[in-house]
Amino acid sequence: MGRKLKFLKKPPVIFVGAIGIVSLLFFSFDRAMIYTSSDSFCMSCHVHPHAEIKWKLSTHSNNQTGVVVHCTECHLPPKEEGLPAYTWAKTKQGFKDLYGYVAKDPEEIDWEAKRAPEKARHFTYESSCVKCHSNLYPAMLSDEGSEAHLNYEMNPAGRTCLTCHPRIGHYDPEANQVNTDFGLIDFSEKEIFTEAETVQEFSDFTEKISGTSVSFVMKAIPGGTFIMGSHPREPYRSPDEGPRREVEIRPFFMAEVEVTWDEYLAFFNETGSQGRKEGEANQQDDVDGITGATPPWGAPDQGWGKGSRPAITMTHHAAMTYCRWLSLKTGKSYRLPTEAEWEYAARGGTQGAYFFGGNPEDYERDGFMNKLFGPDTTVINSYAVYQENSPDRTQEPSFVKANPFGLKNMSGNVAEFCIDYYDPQVYGKYPAGTVKNPRGPRNGTEHVIRGGSFMNSARHLRSAARSYTQTREWLLTDPQIPKSIWWYSDCKEVGFRVVCEYDEKTGNTK
């Protein structure tokens, strides 16, 4: 009996000891979680320059209510979603920050690219935004804000809080500010052209913009016939790429590269008005009958640089106006390419998915082997600026080789405006037989966009791939009333390329 009582006295000691150890572990874990979630701990190893200062200046810290939103309240999911999810996100993000602190040079990290909404959403949690901002329709919200929040609720998969509020957590003095220094170019140290180039035969020429030192190469694209659209068995084909049609194209000239910032700023400097408001944008002035763009908000070049990089963030209307201005400056017939001309030029006499050959599936990260080892991109990297080889920004023309017609970046760098209205079924609406110089539907609301961009994967770079403008979505965060007709606030991957008609103004007397 004594032995039995002695045995019963031991379990309580072991039990109490186990409870103590578990409690100590939980207490230590809790204290560790609290300590490593503090702002001071985050800032101790975070290598992002000025992160703490910009956070303290932002409305998440410096506001009239006195409420401070801490680092983990944006960059970790809410604890209400469960401790496992919170702990896993915290551990994963912590190790990434620690690795960056130990192994990377902060000077070599492209911080602006990481601040872009498409990148920032990977380390900013939508559920955390909604947890704090549970009322999307407060009494002081503007009509534009109410409309934006309604669109968000109706289409949550199409946009996030960062779409409209990309820099709310870290102060940016340049955000939503008129760029008064934009477009200023000094031509004093370069040769100033006094007249445009005279073209007397159908061959390549270098156009000159009078009054500036800006010039660009135009390639002579011979006329011919081709099969427009993609083969039904082409990988990643979309329904709007068919039915395939035989199309005949007359000869024309096309710019070797997309319109550069140097070219576009020559237009802006001559026709723009720093003092004109957006509501006055439709009024004509006395500069050759062309009214140019109002000053942009922020930096349209995204801080990547201007020069020979492709001009971006301008609207389709702005591109059309540029072509009118260029026609008046040169005495030639410049315009945007038709969709048929664009595809004909992009193919360069070839008929595959790409002018440089290859199967789209081989260039994508689809399939087990490509996911594991990555695709063989040796060939495509030589001809296109796209997701795999661009450091999240546009590149200069020297980055790639030309296609058989001598045109660069038809497949990538930036997508390009066409003059046609977009219709997903337009190919089937053309008359039977060979279609000659089609111009698309007579009316519409959005315009065709062709070619992929630095943001796209290989599937979007196919010669037959089609897209279209999204005017409403691309002006979502424009703070002006009315919205700008010159600049897209939410689109940085589209530019344009000009064509020049081969007519009596360029030596064609037929």
Protein backbone atom coordinates (compact mmCIF):
# COMPACT_ATOMS: atom_id res chain seq x y z
CA MET A 1 0.00 0.00 0.00
CA GLY A 2 2.86 2.29 0.84
CA ARG A 3 4.51 1.60 -2.47
CA LYS A 4 1.26 2.49 -4.25
CA LEU A 5 0.89 5.82 -2.47
CA LYS A 6 4.49 6.63 -3.24
CA PHE A 7 3.84 5.95 -6.94
CA LEU A 8 0.75 8.23 -6.92
CA LYS A 9 2.76 11.14 -5.51
CA LYS A 10 5.10 11.26 -8.57
CA PRO A 11 2.67 12.10 -11.42
CA PRO A 12 1.62 15.47 -9.96
CA VAL A 13 5.28 16.53 -9.79
CA ILE A 14 5.89 15.52 -13.41
CA PHE A 15 2.63 17.11 -14.50
CA VAL A 16 3.38 20.38 -12.73
CA GLY A 17 6.88 20.39 -14.21
CA ALA A 18 5.54 19.81 -17.71
CA ILE A 19 3.00 22.59 -17.28
CA GLY A 20 5.76 24.90 -16.13
CA ILE A 21 7.97 24.08 -19.11
CA VAL A 22 5.10 24.53 -21.58
CA SER A 23 4.10 27.80 -19.93
CA LEU A 24 7.66 29.01 -20.10
CA LEU A 25 7.84 28.11 -23.79
CA PHE A 26 4.55 29.83 -24.52
CA PHE A 27 5.61 32.88 -22.54
CA SER A 28 8.96 33.01 -24.32
CA PHE A 29 7.26 32.53 -27.68
CA ASP A 30 4.75 35.26 -26.93
CA ARG A 31 7.44 37.67 -25.75
CA ALA A 32 9.55 36.85 -28.82
CA MET A 33 6.56 37.48 -31.10
CA ILE A 34 5.85 40.82 -29.42
CA TYR A 35 9.49 41.92 -29.53
CA THR A 36 10.10 40.89 -33.14
CA SER A 37 6.87 42.62 -34.19
CA SER A 38 7.92 46.00 -32.87
CA ASP A 39 8.76 48.85 -35.23
CA SER A 40 12.22 49.22 -33.72
CA PHE A 41 13.03 45.56 -34.40
CA CYS A 42 11.81 45.83 -38.01
CA MET A 43 13.95 48.89 -38.59
CA SER A 44 17.03 47.32 -36.96
CA CYS A 45 17.76 45.10 -39.94
CA HIS A 46 15.52 46.40 -42.72
CA VAL A 47 17.81 47.64 -45.47
CA HIS A 48 15.24 49.77 -47.31
CA PRO A 49 16.71 53.32 -47.27
CA HIS A 50 14.69 55.92 -45.39
CA ALA A 51 11.90 53.43 -44.68
CA GLU A 52 11.42 54.62 -41.11
CA ILE A 53 11.48 58.32 -41.99
CA LYS A 54 9.01 57.93 -44.86
CA TRP A 55 6.71 55.84 -42.66
CA LYS A 56 6.73 58.49 -39.92
CA LEU A 57 5.87 61.18 -42.49
CA SER A 58 3.05 59.14 -44.02
CA THR A 59 -0.61 59.33 -43.04
CA HIS A 60 -0.18 55.96 -41.33
CA SER A 61 1.85 57.70 -38.65
CA ASN A 62 1.45 61.45 -39.09
CA ASN A 63 -2.29 62.17 -39.11
CA GLN A 64 -4.92 64.23 -37.28
CA THR A 65 -6.32 61.28 -35.28
CA GLY A 66 -3.06 60.36 -33.60
CA VAL A 67 -3.48 56.70 -34.59
CA VAL A 68 -0.23 55.00 -35.61
CA VAL A 69 -0.26 52.03 -37.96
CA HIS A 70 2.76 49.84 -37.23
CA CYS A 71 4.93 47.86 -39.65
CA THR A 72 3.40 44.46 -38.97
CA GLU A 73 -0.13 45.78 -39.33
CA CYS A 74 0.50 46.25 -43.07
CA HIS A 75 3.22 43.72 -43.83
CA LEU A 76 1.73 40.73 -42.01
CA PRO A 77 -1.77 39.22 -42.20
CA PRO A 78 -4.17 39.95 -39.31
CA LYS A 79 -3.82 37.61 -36.33
CA GLU A 80 -7.55 36.96 -36.66
CA GLU A 81 -6.74 34.81 -39.69
CA GLY A 82 -5.05 32.34 -37.36
CA LEU A 83 -1.75 32.00 -35.54
CA PRO A 84 -0.29 29.47 -38.03
CA ALA A 85 -0.81 31.80 -41.01
CA TYR A 86 0.50 34.78 -39.07
CA THR A 87 3.55 32.89 -37.79
CA TRP A 88 4.35 31.44 -41.21
CA ALA A 89 4.13 34.85 -42.91
CA LYS A 90 6.22 36.41 -40.17
CA THR A 91 8.88 33.71 -40.39
CA LYS A 92 9.05 33.81 -44.17
CA GLN A 93 9.24 37.60 -44.35
CA GLY A 94 11.72 37.72 -41.49
CA PHE A 95 14.14 35.33 -43.17
CA LYS A 96 13.87 37.28 -46.45
CA ASP A 97 14.70 40.54 -44.65
CA LEU A 98 17.53 38.90 -42.73
CA TYR A 99 18.97 37.46 -45.93
CA GLY A 100 18.79 40.87 -47.56
CA TYR A 101 20.50 42.47 -44.57
CA VAL A 102 23.35 39.95 -44.51
CA ALA A 103 23.89 39.05 -48.16
CA LYS A 104 22.74 41.98 -50.32
CA ASP A 105 24.07 45.45 -51.03
CA PRO A 106 21.22 47.96 -50.54
CA GLU A 107 22.74 50.19 -53.23
CA GLU A 108 22.22 47.48 -55.85
CA ILE A 109 18.53 46.84 -55.07
CA ASP A 110 15.98 48.51 -57.33
CA TRP A 111 13.77 49.99 -54.62
CA GLU A 112 11.51 51.86 -57.01
CA ALA A 113 10.65 48.63 -58.80
CA LYS A 114 9.81 46.98 -55.47
CA ARG A 115 7.49 49.88 -54.60
CA ALA A 116 5.41 49.30 -57.73
CA PRO A 117 1.92 47.96 -56.83
CA GLU A 118 2.44 44.69 -58.70
CA LYS A 119 5.50 44.04 -56.52
CA ALA A 120 4.31 45.62 -53.27
CA ARG A 121 1.23 43.41 -53.09
CA HIS A 122 3.54 40.45 -52.38
CA PHE A 123 4.52 41.92 -49.01
CA THR A 124 1.48 44.05 -48.20
CA TYR A 125 -1.65 42.20 -47.16
CA GLU A 126 -5.05 43.16 -48.52
CA SER A 127 -6.77 41.60 -45.52
CA SER A 128 -4.80 43.89 -43.21
CA CYS A 129 -5.97 46.96 -45.13
CA VAL A 130 -9.60 45.85 -44.92
CA LYS A 131 -9.31 44.99 -41.22
CA CYS A 132 -8.45 48.59 -40.31
CA HIS A 133 -10.53 50.28 -43.02
CA SER A 134 -13.68 48.29 -42.43
CA ASN A 135 -15.95 51.18 -43.44
CA LEU A 136 -15.30 51.86 -47.13
CA TYR A 137 -17.89 54.65 -47.25
CA PRO A 138 -17.14 57.13 -44.45
CA ALA A 139 -19.11 60.38 -44.37
CA MET A 140 -16.25 62.53 -45.69
CA LEU A 141 -15.45 60.28 -48.68
CA SER A 142 -15.62 62.05 -52.05
CA ASP A 143 -17.88 60.93 -54.88
CA GLU A 144 -14.83 59.70 -56.79
CA GLY A 145 -13.70 57.70 -53.77
CA SER A 146 -17.15 56.15 -53.33
CA GLU A 147 -17.20 55.15 -56.98
CA ALA A 148 -13.73 53.64 -56.71
CA HIS A 149 -14.64 51.66 -53.59
CA LEU A 150 -17.82 50.42 -55.23
CA ASN A 151 -15.80 49.21 -58.22
CA TYR A 152 -13.41 47.52 -55.80
CA GLU A 153 -16.22 45.64 -54.07
CA MET A 154 -17.76 44.59 -57.39
CA ASN A 155 -14.44 43.46 -58.88
CA PRO A 156 -12.09 42.53 -56.01
CA ALA A 157 -10.05 40.21 -58.23
CA GLY A 158 -9.26 42.98 -60.68
CA ARG A 159 -7.76 45.50 -58.25
CA THR A 160 -6.40 45.85 -54.74
CA CYS A 161 -6.13 48.68 -52.22
CA LEU A 162 -2.64 49.34 -53.60
CA THR A 163 -4.12 50.07 -57.01
CA CYS A 164 -5.36 53.44 -55.79
CA HIS A 165 -3.19 53.86 -52.69
CA PRO A 166 0.26 52.61 -53.75
CA ARG A 167 2.30 54.93 -51.49
CA ILE A 168 0.02 55.47 -48.53
CA GLY A 169 2.29 53.73 -46.02
CA HIS A 170 5.50 55.52 -46.92
CA TYR A 171 5.45 59.21 -47.73
CA ASP A 172 6.37 60.22 -51.27
CA PRO A 173 6.69 63.97 -51.80
CA GLU A 174 6.39 63.56 -55.59
CA ALA A 175 3.15 61.59 -55.56
CA ASN A 176 0.11 63.45 -56.87
CA GLN A 177 2.16 66.55 -57.62
CA VAL A 178 2.32 68.39 -60.94
CA ASN A 179 5.72 67.81 -62.53
CA THR A 180 6.61 71.38 -63.45
CA ASP A 181 10.12 70.44 -64.65
CA PHE A 182 8.91 67.75 -67.02
CA GLY A 183 9.83 68.12 -70.67
CA LEU A 184 12.63 70.67 -70.37
CA ILE A 185 15.33 69.84 -72.95
CA ASP A 186 18.43 71.87 -73.76
CA PHE A 187 19.33 71.67 -77.46
CA SER A 188 21.98 74.39 -77.27
CA GLU A 189 24.96 72.04 -77.46
CA LYS A 190 23.66 69.95 -80.37
CA GLU A 191 23.01 70.51 -84.05
CA ILE A 192 19.60 72.06 -84.60
CA PHE A 193 17.79 70.81 -87.70
CA THR A 194 16.23 73.52 -89.83
CA GLU A 195 14.03 71.30 -91.99
CA ALA A 196 12.67 67.78 -92.23
CA GLU A 197 14.18 65.04 -94.39
CA THR A 198 13.18 64.98 -98.07
CA VAL A 199 12.16 61.51 -99.26
CA GLN A 200 12.22 60.86 -103.01
CA GLU A 201 12.30 57.07 -103.17
CA PHE A 202 11.05 54.08 -101.24
CA SER A 203 14.00 53.35 -98.97
CA ASP A 204 15.00 53.79 -95.35
CA PHE A 205 15.48 57.38 -94.22
CA THR A 206 16.28 59.38 -91.10
CA GLU A 207 13.57 61.87 -90.19
CA LYS A 208 14.56 65.17 -88.61
CA ILE A 209 12.34 67.32 -86.39
CA SER A 210 13.03 70.93 -87.31
CA GLY A 211 13.89 73.29 -84.49
CA THR A 212 15.38 70.44 -82.47
CA SER A 213 18.31 68.03 -82.59
CA VAL A 214 15.96 65.03 -82.55
CA SER A 215 15.97 62.50 -85.39
CA PHE A 216 14.80 58.92 -85.83
CA VAL A 217 15.10 56.14 -88.40
CA MET A 218 12.18 55.10 -90.61
CA LYS A 219 12.29 51.69 -92.28
CA ALA A 220 10.77 51.04 -95.71
CA ILE A 221 8.37 48.10 -95.29
CA PRO A 222 7.61 46.48 -98.68
CA GLY A 223 4.03 45.63 -99.46
CA GLY A 224 2.83 42.05 -99.65
CA THR A 225 0.34 39.48 -98.41
CA PHE A 226 0.37 37.44 -95.21
CA ILE A 227 -1.91 35.31 -93.06
CA MET A 228 -3.21 37.44 -90.21
CA GLY A 229 -4.07 35.75 -86.92
CA SER A 230 -2.81 32.65 -85.14
CA HIS A 231 -3.10 28.98 -86.03
CA PRO A 232 -5.86 27.21 -84.04
CA ARG A 233 -3.23 24.95 -82.46
CA GLU A 234 -0.80 27.74 -81.52
CA PRO A 235 -0.11 27.57 -77.76
CA TYR A 236 -1.80 30.27 -75.66
CA ARG A 237 -3.98 31.34 -78.59
CA SER A 238 -6.98 33.55 -77.71
CA PRO A 239 -10.33 33.41 -79.55
CA ASP A 240 -9.93 37.00 -80.82
CA GLU A 241 -6.89 35.93 -82.87
CA GLY A 242 -9.05 34.30 -85.54
CA PRO A 243 -10.36 33.26 -87.89
CA ARG A 244 -7.12 33.58 -89.85
CA ARG A 245 -7.38 35.79 -92.93
CA GLU A 246 -5.20 36.49 -95.95
CA VAL A 247 -4.39 40.19 -95.92
CA GLU A 248 -2.72 42.38 -98.52
CA ILE A 249 -0.72 45.38 -97.31
CA ARG A 250 0.53 48.30 -99.40
CA PRO A 251 4.11 49.59 -98.86
CA PHE A 252 4.67 51.97 -95.94
CA PHE A 253 7.40 53.32 -93.70
CA MET A 254 7.62 52.35 -90.02
CA ALA A 255 9.80 53.70 -87.22
CA GLU A 256 12.71 51.46 -86.33
CA VAL A 257 11.89 51.84 -82.62
CA GLU A 258 9.03 53.05 -80.48
CA VAL A 259 8.66 56.82 -80.11
CA THR A 260 11.35 57.81 -77.64
CA TRP A 261 11.16 60.34 -74.85
CA ASP A 262 13.39 62.68 -76.85
CA GLU A 263 10.89 62.59 -79.72
CA TYR A 264 7.83 62.95 -77.52
CA LEU A 265 9.30 65.76 -75.44
CA ALA A 266 10.04 67.74 -78.60
CA PHE A 267 6.28 67.64 -79.18
CA PHE A 268 5.49 68.44 -75.55
CA ASN A 269 7.86 71.40 -75.43
CA GLU A 270 6.37 73.00 -78.52
CA THR A 271 2.67 72.36 -77.91
CA GLY A 272 2.26 71.91 -74.16
CA SER A 273 1.27 74.60 -71.71
CA GLN A 274 2.46 74.51 -68.12
CA GLY A 275 -0.29 76.89 -67.01
CA ARG A 276 -3.24 75.26 -68.77
CA LYS A 277 -5.68 73.20 -66.73
CA GLU A 278 -7.00 69.83 -67.79
CA GLY A 279 -10.48 71.24 -68.36
CA GLU A 280 -9.03 73.53 -70.99
CA ALA A 281 -7.30 70.70 -72.84
CA ASN A 282 -9.71 70.64 -75.77
CA GLN A 283 -9.22 74.29 -76.64
CA GLN A 284 -7.01 74.95 -79.67
CA ASP A 285 -4.04 77.30 -79.44
CA ASP A 286 -1.88 78.91 -82.11
CA VAL A 287 0.96 76.37 -82.35
CA ASP A 288 0.24 74.99 -85.82
CA GLY A 289 -3.33 74.34 -84.73
CA ILE A 290 -2.20 71.61 -82.30
CA THR A 291 -2.87 71.70 -78.57
CA GLY A 292 -0.45 69.49 -76.68
CA ALA A 293 -0.51 67.74 -73.35
CA THR A 294 -1.09 69.36 -69.98
CA PRO A 295 1.70 68.87 -67.41
CA PRO A 296 1.79 65.33 -65.97
CA TRP A 297 1.37 64.34 -62.34
CA GLY A 298 4.40 62.62 -60.90
CA ALA A 299 7.10 61.22 -63.18
CA PRO A 300 5.71 59.71 -66.40
CA ASP A 301 9.04 57.99 -67.08
CA GLN A 302 8.74 56.28 -63.66
CA GLY A 303 12.23 57.54 -62.84
CA TRP A 304 13.82 55.09 -65.28
CA GLY A 305 15.24 57.81 -67.51
CA LYS A 306 14.16 59.43 -70.74
CA GLY A 307 16.41 59.87 -73.78
CA SER A 308 16.08 56.92 -76.16
CA ARG A 309 13.85 54.86 -73.88
CA PRO A 310 10.28 54.50 -75.20
CA ALA A 311 7.85 57.21 -74.13
CA ILE A 312 5.15 55.76 -71.86
CA THR A 313 2.02 56.69 -69.86
CA MET A 314 0.56 58.93 -72.58
CA THR A 315 -2.98 58.17 -73.74
CA HIS A 316 -4.11 56.98 -77.16
CA HIS A 317 -5.45 60.50 -77.74
CA ALA A 318 -2.02 61.95 -76.98
CA ALA A 319 -0.36 59.53 -79.41
CA MET A 320 -2.82 60.50 -82.16
CA THR A 321 -2.18 64.19 -81.46
CA TYR A 322 1.58 63.60 -81.63
CA CYS A 323 1.15 62.06 -85.09
CA ARG A 324 -0.84 65.09 -86.27
CA TRP A 325 1.88 67.41 -84.96
CA LEU A 326 4.65 65.33 -86.57
CA SER A 327 2.82 65.41 -89.90
CA LEU A 328 2.65 69.22 -89.78
CA LYS A 329 6.30 69.51 -88.72
CA THR A 330 7.62 67.28 -91.51
CA GLY A 331 5.09 67.74 -94.32
CA LYS A 332 4.52 63.98 -94.46
CA SER A 333 1.59 61.71 -93.53
CA TYR A 334 2.42 60.24 -90.11
CA ARG A 335 -0.06 58.21 -88.09
CA LEU A 336 -0.39 55.17 -85.86
CA PRO A 337 -0.16 51.80 -87.64
CA THR A 338 -3.24 49.79 -88.45
CA GLU A 339 -3.46 46.48 -86.65
CA ALA A 340 -2.83 44.65 -89.93
CA GLU A 341 0.24 46.76 -90.71
CA TRP A 342 1.59 46.16 -87.23
CA GLU A 343 1.29 42.36 -87.42
CA TYR A 344 2.67 42.29 -90.96
CA ALA A 345 5.69 44.33 -89.86
CA ALA A 346 6.17 42.33 -86.66
CA ARG A 347 6.25 39.03 -88.54
CA GLY A 348 8.83 40.32 -90.99
CA GLY A 349 7.91 37.75 -93.59
CA THR A 350 7.62 34.84 -91.13
CA GLN A 351 4.48 32.95 -90.16
CA GLY A 352 5.25 31.32 -86.80
CA ALA A 353 4.37 32.43 -83.31
CA TYR A 354 7.48 34.63 -83.24
CA PHE A 355 9.62 36.06 -86.03
CA PHE A 356 12.69 34.60 -84.27
CA GLY A 357 11.20 31.10 -84.10
CA GLY A 358 10.49 28.77 -81.22
CA ASN A 359 7.50 27.30 -79.45
CA PRO A 360 5.82 29.63 -76.92
CA GLU A 361 5.60 26.75 -74.42
CA ASP A 362 9.39 26.40 -74.47
CA TYR A 363 9.83 30.03 -73.36
CA GLU A 364 7.25 29.90 -70.55
CA ARG A 365 7.69 28.62 -67.00
CA ASP A 366 5.01 26.02 -67.59
CA GLY A 367 5.58 22.31 -67.18
CA PHE A 368 7.66 20.49 -64.59
CA MET A 369 11.09 20.88 -66.21
CA ASN A 370 10.72 24.58 -67.02
CA LYS A 371 9.44 25.31 -63.52
CA LEU A 372 12.34 23.38 -62.03
CA PHE A 373 15.22 24.53 -64.22
CA GLY A 374 13.74 27.54 -66.01
CA PRO A 375 13.11 27.89 -69.76
CA ASP A 376 15.84 28.18 -72.37
CA THR A 377 15.56 31.88 -73.20
CA THR A 378 18.80 32.33 -75.14
CA VAL A 379 17.07 33.17 -78.43
CA ILE A 380 14.11 35.21 -77.19
CA ASN A 381 16.33 37.27 -74.89
CA SER A 382 18.19 38.56 -77.94
CA TYR A 383 15.08 39.97 -79.60
CA ALA A 384 12.64 41.06 -76.91
CA VAL A 385 12.56 42.97 -73.62
CA TYR A 386 10.10 41.08 -71.43
CA GLN A 387 9.51 39.69 -67.95
CA GLU A 388 12.47 37.30 -67.93
CA ASN A 389 15.23 39.71 -68.94
CA SER A 390 14.00 43.19 -68.01
CA PRO A 391 14.71 44.49 -64.51
CA ASP A 392 11.06 45.60 -64.27
CA ARG A 393 11.49 48.56 -66.59
CA THR A 394 11.83 49.62 -70.21
CA GLN A 395 15.17 49.40 -72.00
CA GLU A 396 16.98 51.32 -74.72
CA PRO A 397 16.91 50.10 -78.35
CA SER A 398 20.47 48.71 -78.19
CA PHE A 399 19.22 46.05 -75.77
CA VAL A 400 17.88 43.83 -78.60
CA LYS A 401 18.43 42.77 -82.22
CA ALA A 402 16.11 43.79 -85.06
CA ASN A 403 13.58 41.60 -86.89
CA PRO A 404 13.89 40.77 -90.65
CA PHE A 405 12.42 44.18 -91.56
CA GLY A 406 14.99 45.98 -89.39
CA LEU A 407 12.48 46.87 -86.64
CA LYS A 408 13.45 46.60 -82.97
CA ASN A 409 11.27 45.57 -80.03
CA MET A 410 8.17 44.75 -82.03
CA SER A 411 7.64 41.86 -79.60
CA GLY A 412 8.42 43.54 -76.29
CA ASN A 413 9.71 46.52 -74.29
CA VAL A 414 6.34 48.29 -74.44
CA ALA A 415 3.07 47.29 -76.03
CA GLU A 416 2.02 49.64 -78.83
CA PHE A 417 -1.12 51.54 -79.80
CA CYS A 418 -2.77 50.86 -83.16
CA ILE A 419 -5.20 53.18 -84.90
CA ASP A 420 -8.00 50.57 -85.05
CA TYR A 421 -10.89 50.31 -82.63
CA TYR A 422 -10.89 46.95 -80.88
CA ASP A 423 -13.41 44.27 -81.83
CA PRO A 424 -12.76 40.66 -80.73
CA GLN A 425 -14.61 39.32 -83.77
CA VAL A 426 -13.39 41.73 -86.44
CA TYR A 427 -11.47 39.13 -88.49
CA GLY A 428 -14.66 37.24 -89.20
CA LYS A 429 -16.45 40.43 -90.29
CA TYR A 430 -14.12 41.30 -93.16
CA PRO A 431 -15.33 40.46 -96.70
CA ALA A 432 -14.55 37.05 -98.16
CA GLY A 433 -11.27 36.55 -99.99
CA THR A 434 -8.09 38.55 -99.60
CA VAL A 435 -8.63 41.58 -97.38
CA LYS A 436 -6.82 44.69 -98.62
CA ASN A 437 -5.41 47.16 -96.10
CA PRO A 438 -8.05 46.62 -93.37
CA ARG A 439 -8.61 49.44 -90.88
CA GLY A 440 -10.77 47.67 -88.30
CA PRO A 441 -14.32 48.61 -87.26
CA ARG A 442 -15.62 52.12 -87.98
CA ASN A 443 -16.37 52.90 -84.35
CA GLY A 444 -15.82 51.60 -80.86
CA THR A 445 -14.79 52.60 -77.37
CA GLU A 446 -11.30 51.12 -76.94
CA HIS A 447 -8.35 50.78 -79.32
CA VAL A 448 -6.16 47.85 -80.28
CA ILE A 449 -2.82 47.33 -78.55
CA ARG A 450 -0.22 45.02 -80.06
CA GLY A 451 3.01 43.47 -78.82
CA GLY A 452 4.06 42.49 -75.31
CA SER A 453 5.93 44.58 -72.77
CA PHE A 454 8.67 44.38 -70.17
CA MET A 455 5.99 43.19 -67.72
CA ASN A 456 4.75 40.26 -69.84
CA SER A 457 5.81 36.66 -70.19
CA ALA A 458 6.58 35.03 -73.54
CA ARG A 459 2.99 34.05 -74.36
CA HIS A 460 2.02 37.72 -74.72
CA LEU A 461 4.89 38.42 -77.12
CA ARG A 462 3.44 36.27 -79.92
CA SER A 463 3.02 38.12 -83.24
CA ALA A 464 -0.74 37.44 -83.34
CA ALA A 465 -1.50 38.29 -79.70
CA ARG A 466 -4.06 41.10 -79.30
CA SER A 467 -5.00 43.43 -76.47
CA TYR A 468 -6.80 46.75 -76.08
CA THR A 469 -6.81 49.98 -74.11
CA GLN A 470 -8.61 50.07 -70.75
CA THR A 471 -9.22 53.79 -70.39
CA ARG A 472 -11.34 53.70 -67.25
CA GLU A 473 -9.02 51.38 -65.35
CA TRP A 474 -5.89 53.22 -66.48
CA LEU A 475 -7.20 56.52 -65.12
CA LEU A 476 -8.44 55.16 -61.82
CA THR A 477 -5.97 57.02 -59.60
CA ASP A 478 -5.82 60.26 -61.60
CA PRO A 479 -6.62 62.94 -58.97
CA GLN A 480 -7.84 65.51 -61.52
CA ILE A 481 -11.42 66.47 -62.32
CA PRO A 482 -11.99 65.89 -65.16
CA LYS A 483 -9.58 63.01 -65.73
CA SER A 484 -6.64 63.69 -68.01
CA ILE A 485 -7.04 63.07 -71.73
CA TRP A 486 -3.24 63.11 -72.08
CA TRP A 487 -1.74 60.87 -69.39
CA TYR A 488 -2.64 57.44 -67.99
CA SER A 489 -2.12 57.38 -64.24
CA ASP A 490 -2.20 53.58 -64.03
CA CYS A 491 -0.51 52.25 -67.15
CA LYS A 492 3.26 52.25 -67.68
CA GLU A 493 3.71 49.38 -70.15
CA VAL A 494 2.22 50.93 -73.32
CA GLY A 495 3.84 53.27 -75.83
CA PHE A 496 3.54 53.67 -79.59
CA ARG A 497 5.38 53.55 -82.90
CA VAL A 498 4.65 55.72 -85.92
CA VAL A 499 4.22 54.84 -89.57
CA CYS A 500 4.53 57.17 -92.54
CA GLU A 501 2.42 56.63 -95.61
CA TYR A 502 4.16 56.13 -98.96
CA ASP A 503 2.29 58.79 -100.92
CA GLU A 504 2.88 61.92 -102.99
CA LYS A 505 4.51 63.57 -99.97
CA THR A 506 7.22 60.89 -99.85
CA GLY A 507 8.09 60.46 -103.50
CA ASN A 508 5.26 58.15 -104.55
CA THR A 509 3.63 59.74 -107.59
CA LYS A 510 1.54 56.74 -108.60
